[in-house]
Amino acid sequence: AMARCEQTLFNAPGEALALTDAARLFLSSEKENRAL
């Protein structure tokens, strides 16, 4: 949601950072599910 806001503000660096954080969190969640 933060990335969408940054896109609306035409803040590409902020959008890229938010997308990267989201990607890493989704990946960590997937690894947790696999570990369990």
Full PDB file with SEQRES, HELIX, SHEET, SSBOND, CRYST1, ORIGX, SCALE, CONECT and MASTER records, all heavy atoms in Angstrom:
SEQRES   1 A   36  ALA MET ALA ARG CYS GLU GLN THR LEU PHE ASN ALA PRO          
SEQRES   2 A   36  GLY GLU ALA LEU ALA LEU THR ASP ALA ALA ARG LEU PHE          
SEQRES   3 A   36  LEU SER SER GLU LYS GLU ASN ARG ALA LEU                      
HELIX    1 AA1 MET A    2  THR A    8  1                                   7    
HELIX    2 AA2 ALA A   12  ALA A   35  1                                  24    
CRYST1    1.000    1.000    1.000  90.00  90.00  90.00 P 1           1          
ORIGX1      1.000000  0.000000  0.000000        0.00000                         
ORIGX2      0.000000  1.000000  0.000000        0.00000                         
ORIGX3      0.000000  0.000000  1.000000        0.00000                         
SCALE1      1.000000  0.000000  0.000000        0.00000                         
SCALE2      0.000000  1.000000  0.000000        0.00000                         
SCALE3      0.000000  0.000000  1.000000        0.00000                         
ATOM      1  N   ALA A   1       0.838  -1.201   0.000  1.00  0.00           N  
ATOM      2  CA  ALA A   1       0.000   0.000   0.000  1.00  0.00           C  
ATOM      3  C   ALA A   1       0.875   1.254   0.000  1.00  0.00           C  
ATOM      4  O   ALA A   1       0.583   2.250  -0.683  1.00  0.00           O  
ATOM      5  CB  ALA A   1      -0.919  -0.012   1.212  1.00  0.00           C  
ATOM      6  N   MET A   2       1.964   1.193   0.744  1.00  0.00           N  
ATOM      7  CA  MET A   2       2.906   2.313   0.796  1.00  0.00           C  
ATOM      8  C   MET A   2       3.530   2.541  -0.582  1.00  0.00           C  
ATOM      9  O   MET A   2       3.695   3.694  -1.020  1.00  0.00           O  
ATOM     10  CB  MET A   2       3.998   1.992   1.826  1.00  0.00           C  
ATOM     11  CG  MET A   2       4.986   3.104   2.062  1.00  0.00           C  
ATOM     12  SD  MET A   2       6.203   2.617   3.309  1.00  0.00           S  
ATOM     13  CE  MET A   2       7.317   4.001   3.215  1.00  0.00           C  
ATOM     14  N   ALA A   3       3.843   1.446  -1.292  1.00  0.00           N  
ATOM     15  CA  ALA A   3       4.428   1.558  -2.637  1.00  0.00           C  
ATOM     16  C   ALA A   3       3.453   2.240  -3.598  1.00  0.00           C  
ATOM     17  O   ALA A   3       3.855   3.064  -4.433  1.00  0.00           O  
ATOM     18  CB  ALA A   3       4.809   0.172  -3.150  1.00  0.00           C  
ATOM     19  N   ARG A   4       2.163   1.916  -3.469  1.00  0.00           N  
ATOM     20  CA  ARG A   4       1.155   2.557  -4.330  1.00  0.00           C  
ATOM     21  C   ARG A   4       1.081   4.056  -4.059  1.00  0.00           C  
ATOM     22  O   ARG A   4       0.917   4.861  -4.979  1.00  0.00           O  
ATOM     23  CB  ARG A   4      -0.205   1.889  -4.128  1.00  0.00           C  
ATOM     24  CG  ARG A   4      -0.312   0.517  -4.779  1.00  0.00           C  
ATOM     25  CD  ARG A   4      -1.752   0.042  -4.827  1.00  0.00           C  
ATOM     26  NE  ARG A   4      -2.284  -0.240  -3.501  1.00  0.00           N  
ATOM     27  CZ  ARG A   4      -2.193  -1.437  -2.903  1.00  0.00           C  
ATOM     28  NH1 ARG A   4      -1.592  -2.441  -3.525  1.00  0.00           N  
ATOM     29  NH2 ARG A   4      -2.705  -1.623  -1.710  1.00  0.00           N  
ATOM     30  N   CYS A   5       1.198   4.409  -2.785  1.00  0.00           N  
ATOM     31  CA  CYS A   5       1.188   5.836  -2.429  1.00  0.00           C  
ATOM     32  C   CYS A   5       2.403   6.549  -3.030  1.00  0.00           C  
ATOM     33  O   CYS A   5       2.276   7.660  -3.578  1.00  0.00           O  
ATOM     34  CB  CYS A   5       1.193   6.005  -0.916  1.00  0.00           C  
ATOM     35  SG  CYS A   5      -0.328   5.462  -0.100  1.00  0.00           S  
ATOM     36  N   GLU A   6       3.569   5.915  -2.908  1.00  0.00           N  
ATOM     37  CA  GLU A   6       4.785   6.531  -3.449  1.00  0.00           C  
ATOM     38  C   GLU A   6       4.705   6.658  -4.973  1.00  0.00           C  
ATOM     39  O   GLU A   6       5.210   7.624  -5.556  1.00  0.00           O  
ATOM     40  CB  GLU A   6       6.021   5.705  -3.053  1.00  0.00           C  
ATOM     41  CG  GLU A   6       6.278   5.623  -1.554  1.00  0.00           C  
ATOM     42  CD  GLU A   6       6.528   6.985  -0.928  1.00  0.00           C  
ATOM     43  OE1 GLU A   6       7.068   7.880  -1.615  1.00  0.00           O  
ATOM     44  OE2 GLU A   6       6.172   7.179   0.253  1.00  0.00           O  
ATOM     45  N   GLN A   7       4.052   5.695  -5.609  1.00  0.00           N  
ATOM     46  CA  GLN A   7       3.860   5.773  -7.059  1.00  0.00           C  
ATOM     47  C   GLN A   7       2.976   6.966  -7.420  1.00  0.00           C  
ATOM     48  O   GLN A   7       3.242   7.693  -8.381  1.00  0.00           O  
ATOM     49  CB  GLN A   7       3.240   4.477  -7.571  1.00  0.00           C  
ATOM     50  CG  GLN A   7       3.091   4.422  -9.090  1.00  0.00           C  
ATOM     51  CD  GLN A   7       2.372   3.167  -9.548  1.00  0.00           C  
ATOM     52  OE1 GLN A   7       1.420   2.721  -8.910  1.00  0.00           O  
ATOM     53  NE2 GLN A   7       2.819   2.594 -10.649  1.00  0.00           N  
ATOM     54  N   THR A   8       1.932   7.177  -6.614  1.00  0.00           N  
ATOM     55  CA  THR A   8       1.037   8.317  -6.844  1.00  0.00           C  
ATOM     56  C   THR A   8       1.787   9.639  -6.685  1.00  0.00           C  
ATOM     57  O   THR A   8       1.508  10.617  -7.393  1.00  0.00           O  
ATOM     58  CB  THR A   8      -0.138   8.270  -5.848  1.00  0.00           C  
ATOM     59  OG1 THR A   8      -0.803   7.012  -5.966  1.00  0.00           O  
ATOM     60  CG2 THR A   8      -1.129   9.386  -6.088  1.00  0.00           C  
ATOM     61  N   LEU A   9       2.758   9.650  -5.763  1.00  0.00           N  
ATOM     62  CA  LEU A   9       3.550  10.857  -5.510  1.00  0.00           C  
ATOM     63  C   LEU A   9       4.719  11.000  -6.491  1.00  0.00           C  
ATOM     64  O   LEU A   9       5.522  11.937  -6.365  1.00  0.00           O  
ATOM     65  CB  LEU A   9       4.101  10.822  -4.078  1.00  0.00           C  
ATOM     66  CG  LEU A   9       3.067  10.887  -2.950  1.00  0.00           C  
ATOM     67  CD1 LEU A   9       3.716  10.545  -1.610  1.00  0.00           C  
ATOM     68  CD2 LEU A   9       2.425  12.263  -2.898  1.00  0.00           C  
ATOM     69  N   PHE A  10       4.833  10.044  -7.442  1.00  0.00           N  
ATOM     70  CA  PHE A  10       5.932  10.020  -8.413  1.00  0.00           C  
ATOM     71  C   PHE A  10       7.288   9.973  -7.721  1.00  0.00           C  
ATOM     72  O   PHE A  10       8.261  10.578  -8.168  1.00  0.00           O  
ATOM     73  CB  PHE A  10       5.863  11.243  -9.361  1.00  0.00           C  
ATOM     74  CG  PHE A  10       4.591  11.298 -10.153  1.00  0.00           C  
ATOM     75  CD1 PHE A  10       3.558  12.148  -9.771  1.00  0.00           C  
ATOM     76  CD2 PHE A  10       4.411  10.482 -11.263  1.00  0.00           C  
ATOM     77  CE1 PHE A  10       2.373  12.194 -10.492  1.00  0.00           C  
ATOM     78  CE2 PHE A  10       3.231  10.526 -11.984  1.00  0.00           C  
ATOM     79  CZ  PHE A  10       2.208  11.367 -11.606  1.00  0.00           C  
ATOM     80  N   ASN A  11       7.333   9.244  -6.603  1.00  0.00           N  
ATOM     81  CA  ASN A  11       8.583   9.058  -5.854  1.00  0.00           C  
ATOM     82  C   ASN A  11       9.096   7.643  -6.143  1.00  0.00           C  
ATOM     83  O   ASN A  11       8.834   6.703  -5.391  1.00  0.00           O  
ATOM     84  CB  ASN A  11       8.332   9.261  -4.357  1.00  0.00           C  
ATOM     85  CG  ASN A  11       9.600   9.066  -3.535  1.00  0.00           C  
ATOM     86  OD1 ASN A  11      10.701   9.028  -4.079  1.00  0.00           O  
ATOM     87  ND2 ASN A  11       9.446   8.912  -2.226  1.00  0.00           N  
ATOM     88  N   ALA A  12       9.814   7.499  -7.257  1.00  0.00           N  
ATOM     89  CA  ALA A  12      10.267   6.174  -7.685  1.00  0.00           C  
ATOM     90  C   ALA A  12      11.201   5.495  -6.671  1.00  0.00           C  
ATOM     91  O   ALA A  12      11.044   4.296  -6.404  1.00  0.00           O  
ATOM     92  CB  ALA A  12      10.946   6.273  -9.048  1.00  0.00           C  
ATOM     93  N   PRO A  13      12.179   6.201  -6.064  1.00  0.00           N  
ATOM     94  CA  PRO A  13      13.038   5.528  -5.070  1.00  0.00           C  
ATOM     95  C   PRO A  13      12.237   4.974  -3.887  1.00  0.00           C  
ATOM     96  O   PRO A  13      12.493   3.861  -3.422  1.00  0.00           O  
ATOM     97  CB  PRO A  13      14.000   6.631  -4.625  1.00  0.00           C  
ATOM     98  CG  PRO A  13      14.044   7.583  -5.775  1.00  0.00           C  
ATOM     99  CD  PRO A  13      12.661   7.568  -6.347  1.00  0.00           C  
ATOM    100  N   GLY A  14      11.261   5.758  -3.412  1.00  0.00           N  
ATOM    101  CA  GLY A  14      10.415   5.289  -2.307  1.00  0.00           C  
ATOM    102  C   GLY A  14       9.569   4.096  -2.704  1.00  0.00           C  
ATOM    103  O   GLY A  14       9.374   3.148  -1.920  1.00  0.00           O  
ATOM    104  N   GLU A  15       9.081   4.114  -3.944  1.00  0.00           N  
ATOM    105  CA  GLU A  15       8.276   2.994  -4.437  1.00  0.00           C  
ATOM    106  C   GLU A  15       9.116   1.725  -4.523  1.00  0.00           C  
ATOM    107  O   GLU A  15       8.678   0.643  -4.089  1.00  0.00           O  
ATOM    108  CB  GLU A  15       7.724   3.333  -5.819  1.00  0.00           C  
ATOM    109  CG  GLU A  15       6.841   2.241  -6.412  1.00  0.00           C  
ATOM    110  CD  GLU A  15       6.462   2.509  -7.856  1.00  0.00           C  
ATOM    111  OE1 GLU A  15       6.841   3.564  -8.397  1.00  0.00           O  
ATOM    112  OE2 GLU A  15       5.786   1.638  -8.456  1.00  0.00           O  
ATOM    113  N   ALA A  16      10.330   1.852  -5.055  1.00  0.00           N  
ATOM    114  CA  ALA A  16      11.216   0.688  -5.185  1.00  0.00           C  
ATOM    115  C   ALA A  16      11.567   0.111  -3.817  1.00  0.00           C  
ATOM    116  O   ALA A  16      11.582  -1.116  -3.625  1.00  0.00           O  
ATOM    117  CB  ALA A  16      12.490   1.085  -5.927  1.00  0.00           C  
ATOM    118  N   LEU A  17      11.834   0.988  -2.848  1.00  0.00           N  
ATOM    119  CA  LEU A  17      12.180   0.530  -1.495  1.00  0.00           C  
ATOM    120  C   LEU A  17      11.014  -0.202  -0.848  1.00  0.00           C  
ATOM    121  O   LEU A  17      11.185  -1.268  -0.241  1.00  0.00           O  
ATOM    122  CB  LEU A  17      12.601   1.730  -0.646  1.00  0.00           C  
ATOM    123  CG  LEU A  17      12.996   1.424   0.806  1.00  0.00           C  
ATOM    124  CD1 LEU A  17      14.189   0.475   0.844  1.00  0.00           C  
ATOM    125  CD2 LEU A  17      13.307   2.708   1.558  1.00  0.00           C  
ATOM    126  N   ALA A  18       9.798   0.366  -0.974  1.00  0.00           N  
ATOM    127  CA  ALA A  18       8.615  -0.272  -0.375  1.00  0.00           C  
ATOM    128  C   ALA A  18       8.329  -1.629  -1.032  1.00  0.00           C  
ATOM    129  O   ALA A  18       7.981  -2.596  -0.351  1.00  0.00           O  
ATOM    130  CB  ALA A  18       7.411   0.657  -0.512  1.00  0.00           C  
ATOM    131  N   LEU A  19       8.487  -1.705  -2.345  1.00  0.00           N  
ATOM    132  CA  LEU A  19       8.268  -2.967  -3.053  1.00  0.00           C  
ATOM    133  C   LEU A  19       9.287  -4.020  -2.621  1.00  0.00           C  
ATOM    134  O   LEU A  19       8.952  -5.197  -2.434  1.00  0.00           O  
ATOM    135  CB  LEU A  19       8.359  -2.746  -4.564  1.00  0.00           C  
ATOM    136  CG  LEU A  19       7.151  -2.089  -5.231  1.00  0.00           C  
ATOM    137  CD1 LEU A  19       7.496  -1.661  -6.654  1.00  0.00           C  
ATOM    138  CD2 LEU A  19       5.948  -3.038  -5.244  1.00  0.00           C  
ATOM    139  N   THR A  20      10.540  -3.586  -2.449  1.00  0.00           N  
ATOM    140  CA  THR A  20      11.598  -4.518  -2.027  1.00  0.00           C  
ATOM    141  C   THR A  20      11.330  -5.032  -0.620  1.00  0.00           C  
ATOM    142  O   THR A  20      11.482  -6.234  -0.340  1.00  0.00           O  
ATOM    143  CB  THR A  20      12.971  -3.818  -2.086  1.00  0.00           C  
ATOM    144  OG1 THR A  20      13.196  -3.334  -3.403  1.00  0.00           O  
ATOM    145  CG2 THR A  20      14.082  -4.788  -1.719  1.00  0.00           C  
ATOM    146  N   ASP A  21      10.912  -4.130   0.281  1.00  0.00           N  
ATOM    147  CA  ASP A  21      10.581  -4.550   1.647  1.00  0.00           C  
ATOM    148  C   ASP A  21       9.423  -5.546   1.640  1.00  0.00           C  
ATOM    149  O   ASP A  21       9.446  -6.552   2.363  1.00  0.00           O  
ATOM    150  CB  ASP A  21      10.212  -3.334   2.500  1.00  0.00           C  
ATOM    151  CG  ASP A  21      11.426  -2.487   2.855  1.00  0.00           C  
ATOM    152  OD1 ASP A  21      12.549  -3.005   2.745  1.00  0.00           O  
ATOM    153  OD2 ASP A  21      11.247  -1.307   3.225  1.00  0.00           O  
ATOM    154  N   ALA A  22       8.412  -5.278   0.815  1.00  0.00           N  
ATOM    155  CA  ALA A  22       7.263  -6.187   0.721  1.00  0.00           C  
ATOM    156  C   ALA A  22       7.700  -7.546   0.198  1.00  0.00           C  
ATOM    157  O   ALA A  22       7.281  -8.601   0.713  1.00  0.00           O  
ATOM    158  CB  ALA A  22       6.196  -5.581  -0.197  1.00  0.00           C  
ATOM    159  N   ALA A  23       8.556  -7.548  -0.816  1.00  0.00           N  
ATOM    160  CA  ALA A  23       9.039  -8.809  -1.399  1.00  0.00           C  
ATOM    161  C   ALA A  23       9.781  -9.639  -0.366  1.00  0.00           C  
ATOM    162  O   ALA A  23       9.566 -10.858  -0.241  1.00  0.00           O  
ATOM    163  CB  ALA A  23       9.955  -8.501  -2.590  1.00  0.00           C  
ATOM    164  N   ARG A  24      10.642  -8.986   0.411  1.00  0.00           N  
ATOM    165  CA  ARG A  24      11.428  -9.716   1.422  1.00  0.00           C  
ATOM    166  C   ARG A  24      10.546 -10.256   2.540  1.00  0.00           C  
ATOM    167  O   ARG A  24      10.786 -11.346   3.059  1.00  0.00           O  
ATOM    168  CB  ARG A  24      12.515  -8.794   1.983  1.00  0.00           C  
ATOM    169  CG  ARG A  24      13.628  -8.521   0.977  1.00  0.00           C  
ATOM    170  CD  ARG A  24      14.566  -7.430   1.436  1.00  0.00           C  
ATOM    171  NE  ARG A  24      15.644  -7.223   0.468  1.00  0.00           N  
ATOM    172  CZ  ARG A  24      16.412  -6.145   0.432  1.00  0.00           C  
ATOM    173  NH1 ARG A  24      16.220  -5.151   1.298  1.00  0.00           N  
ATOM    174  NH2 ARG A  24      17.380  -6.033  -0.465  1.00  0.00           N  
ATOM    175  N   LEU A  25       9.522  -9.500   2.897  1.00  0.00           N  
ATOM    176  CA  LEU A  25       8.606  -9.961   3.941  1.00  0.00           C  
ATOM    177  C   LEU A  25       7.780 -11.154   3.463  1.00  0.00           C  
ATOM    178  O   LEU A  25       7.587 -12.127   4.197  1.00  0.00           O  
ATOM    179  CB  LEU A  25       7.690  -8.817   4.372  1.00  0.00           C  
ATOM    180  CG  LEU A  25       8.359  -7.722   5.210  1.00  0.00           C  
ATOM    181  CD1 LEU A  25       7.468  -6.490   5.284  1.00  0.00           C  
ATOM    182  CD2 LEU A  25       8.681  -8.234   6.606  1.00  0.00           C  
ATOM    183  N   PHE A  26       7.289 -11.097   2.233  1.00  0.00           N  
ATOM    184  CA  PHE A  26       6.546 -12.231   1.677  1.00  0.00           C  
ATOM    185  C   PHE A  26       7.437 -13.471   1.606  1.00  0.00           C  
ATOM    186  O   PHE A  26       7.002 -14.588   1.903  1.00  0.00           O  
ATOM    187  CB  PHE A  26       6.019 -11.894   0.276  1.00  0.00           C  
ATOM    188  CG  PHE A  26       4.733 -11.128   0.267  1.00  0.00           C  
ATOM    189  CD1 PHE A  26       4.616  -9.948  -0.459  1.00  0.00           C  
ATOM    190  CD2 PHE A  26       3.620 -11.582   0.976  1.00  0.00           C  
ATOM    191  CE1 PHE A  26       3.420  -9.237  -0.476  1.00  0.00           C  
ATOM    192  CE2 PHE A  26       2.424 -10.876   0.963  1.00  0.00           C  
ATOM    193  CZ  PHE A  26       2.327  -9.701   0.231  1.00  0.00           C  
ATOM    194  N   LEU A  27       8.701 -13.252   1.221  1.00  0.00           N  
ATOM    195  CA  LEU A  27       9.640 -14.367   1.111  1.00  0.00           C  
ATOM    196  C   LEU A  27       9.932 -14.973   2.486  1.00  0.00           C  
ATOM    197  O   LEU A  27       9.968 -16.205   2.632  1.00  0.00           O  
ATOM    198  CB  LEU A  27      10.943 -13.873   0.468  1.00  0.00           C  
ATOM    199  CG  LEU A  27      11.853 -14.917  -0.163  1.00  0.00           C  
ATOM    200  CD1 LEU A  27      11.122 -15.704  -1.241  1.00  0.00           C  
ATOM    201  CD2 LEU A  27      13.091 -14.250  -0.756  1.00  0.00           C  
ATOM    202  N   SER A  28      10.106 -14.129   3.483  1.00  0.00           N  
ATOM    203  CA  SER A  28      10.340 -14.624   4.855  1.00  0.00           C  
ATOM    204  C   SER A  28       9.130 -15.400   5.362  1.00  0.00           C  
ATOM    205  O   SER A  28       9.275 -16.429   6.035  1.00  0.00           O  
ATOM    206  CB  SER A  28      10.635 -13.454   5.794  1.00  0.00           C  
ATOM    207  OG  SER A  28      11.814 -12.787   5.418  1.00  0.00           O  
ATOM    208  N   SER A  29       7.935 -14.915   5.040  1.00  0.00           N  
ATOM    209  CA  SER A  29       6.711 -15.606   5.442  1.00  0.00           C  
ATOM    210  C   SER A  29       6.628 -16.988   4.794  1.00  0.00           C  
ATOM    211  O   SER A  29       6.252 -17.975   5.433  1.00  0.00           O  
ATOM    212  CB  SER A  29       5.490 -14.767   5.059  1.00  0.00           C  
ATOM    213  OG  SER A  29       4.299 -15.375   5.490  1.00  0.00           O  
ATOM    214  N   GLU A  30       7.022 -17.063   3.515  1.00  0.00           N  
ATOM    215  CA  GLU A  30       7.025 -18.351   2.806  1.00  0.00           C  
ATOM    216  C   GLU A  30       8.020 -19.318   3.445  1.00  0.00           C  
ATOM    217  O   GLU A  30       7.726 -20.509   3.623  1.00  0.00           O  
ATOM    218  CB  GLU A  30       7.379 -18.123   1.338  1.00  0.00           C  
ATOM    219  CG  GLU A  30       7.403 -19.388   0.492  1.00  0.00           C  
ATOM    220  CD  GLU A  30       6.032 -20.012   0.294  1.00  0.00           C  
ATOM    221  OE1 GLU A  30       5.016 -19.282   0.388  1.00  0.00           O  
ATOM    222  OE2 GLU A  30       5.970 -21.233   0.067  1.00  0.00           O  
ATOM    223  N   LYS A  31       9.188 -18.811   3.815  1.00  0.00           N  
ATOM    224  CA  LYS A  31      10.210 -19.659   4.448  1.00  0.00           C  
ATOM    225  C   LYS A  31       9.723 -20.173   5.805  1.00  0.00           C  
ATOM    226  O   LYS A  31       9.983 -21.326   6.169  1.00  0.00           O  
ATOM    227  CB  LYS A  31      11.520 -18.881   4.612  1.00  0.00           C  
ATOM    228  CG  LYS A  31      12.249 -18.643   3.299  1.00  0.00           C  
ATOM    229  CD  LYS A  31      13.516 -17.834   3.522  1.00  0.00           C  
ATOM    230  CE  LYS A  31      14.259 -17.606   2.210  1.00  0.00           C  
ATOM    231  NZ  LYS A  31      15.469 -16.770   2.386  1.00  0.00           N  
ATOM    232  N   GLU A  32       9.015 -19.314   6.544  1.00  0.00           N  
ATOM    233  CA  GLU A  32       8.459 -19.741   7.837  1.00  0.00           C  
ATOM    234  C   GLU A  32       7.443 -20.864   7.644  1.00  0.00           C  
ATOM    235  O   GLU A  32       7.441 -21.850   8.385  1.00  0.00           O  
ATOM    236  CB  GLU A  32       7.806 -18.550   8.550  1.00  0.00           C  
ATOM    237  CG  GLU A  32       8.782 -17.655   9.272  1.00  0.00           C  
ATOM    238  CD  GLU A  32       8.071 -16.652  10.174  1.00  0.00           C  
ATOM    239  OE1 GLU A  32       6.822 -16.726  10.296  1.00  0.00           O  
ATOM    240  OE2 GLU A  32       8.758 -15.800  10.753  1.00  0.00           O  
ATOM    241  N   ASN A  33       6.567 -20.700   6.661  1.00  0.00           N  
ATOM    242  CA  ASN A  33       5.569 -21.741   6.378  1.00  0.00           C  
ATOM    243  C   ASN A  33       6.225 -23.059   6.006  1.00  0.00           C  
ATOM    244  O   ASN A  33       5.781 -24.133   6.422  1.00  0.00           O  
ATOM    245  CB  ASN A  33       4.643 -21.288   5.238  1.00  0.00           C  
ATOM    246  CG  ASN A  33       3.648 -20.238   5.688  1.00  0.00           C  
ATOM    247  OD1 ASN A  33       3.542 -19.939   6.880  1.00  0.00           O  
ATOM    248  ND2 ASN A  33       2.919 -19.660   4.751  1.00  0.00           N  
ATOM    249  N   ARG A  34       7.308 -22.977   5.231  1.00  0.00           N  
ATOM    250  CA  ARG A  34       8.004 -24.195   4.824  1.00  0.00           C  
ATOM    251  C   ARG A  34       8.693 -24.847   6.016  1.00  0.00           C  
ATOM    252  O   ARG A  34       8.722 -26.071   6.133  1.00  0.00           O  
ATOM    253  CB  ARG A  34       9.037 -23.877   3.732  1.00  0.00           C  
ATOM    254  CG  ARG A  34       8.403 -23.626   2.378  1.00  0.00           C  
ATOM    255  CD  ARG A  34       9.426 -23.106   1.368  1.00  0.00           C  
ATOM    256  NE  ARG A  34       8.782 -22.948   0.077  1.00  0.00           N  
ATOM    257  CZ  ARG A  34       8.764 -23.885  -0.864  1.00  0.00           C  
ATOM    258  NH1 ARG A  34       9.351 -25.039  -0.661  1.00  0.00           N  
ATOM    259  NH2 ARG A  34       8.159 -23.677  -2.010  1.00  0.00           N  
ATOM    260  N   ALA A  35       9.275 -24.008   6.892  1.00  0.00           N  
ATOM    261  CA  ALA A  35       9.942 -24.550   8.082  1.00  0.00           C  
ATOM    262  C   ALA A  35       8.937 -25.266   8.996  1.00  0.00           C  
ATOM    263  O   ALA A  35       9.258 -26.280   9.621  1.00  0.00           O  
ATOM    264  CB  ALA A  35      10.644 -23.428   8.839  1.00  0.00           C  
ATOM    265  N   LEU A  36       7.712 -24.739   9.039  1.00  0.00           N  
ATOM    266  CA  LEU A  36       6.653 -25.352   9.856  1.00  0.00           C  
ATOM    267  C   LEU A  36       5.934 -26.481   9.115  1.00  0.00           C  
ATOM    268  O   LEU A  36       5.070 -27.148   9.702  1.00  0.00           O  
ATOM    269  CB  LEU A  36       5.633 -24.283  10.259  1.00  0.00           C  
ATOM    270  CG  LEU A  36       6.139 -23.168  11.184  1.00  0.00           C  
ATOM    271  CD1 LEU A  36       5.116 -22.061  11.279  1.00  0.00           C  
ATOM    272  CD2 LEU A  36       6.454 -23.730  12.561  1.00  0.00           C  
TER     273      LEU A  36                                                      
MASTER        0    0    0    2    0    0    0    6  272    1    0    3          
END                                                                             
